[in-house]
Amino acid sequence: MDIREIDETYSVTGQIQPEDLDAIKAMGFKSLVCHRPDFESPDQPVFDAVAERAEALGLEIRHVPVGPMGVTADAVALMVDALDELPRPMLGFCRSGARSTAIYEKSQHMRG
């Protein structure tokens, strides 16, 4: 995992596997947001598999997929809700971390 800190409460990484969540929890993360749509590539786990393990470890998780249409207003609104409702520090993930970074930056403008 290549975890990159965006600010003191939000970091991003590329695709994670359910077995990565023990280490993620040990790093102090309290919540996760997945920005990758299911079935984007054959080697990625589906969101439910990641969510099941996250919840078993006491981590909160949301699915705010950012697909071919890019970061939409609806996705940003859902990300704002996640930021308002989930504990931090939070880890956002997608294929490379780029979408997780972009949606966070746009959500910060919406939150004002």
Foldseek 3Di string as FASTA:
>chain_A
DDWADPDPQEIEFEADALVCLVVVVVVPFQEEEEAAAPPPDPPGDHPVRNCVSCVVVNHYYYYLYADPVACDPVSLVVVLVCVVPHDTSYYYYYHGRVSVVVSVVVNVVVVD
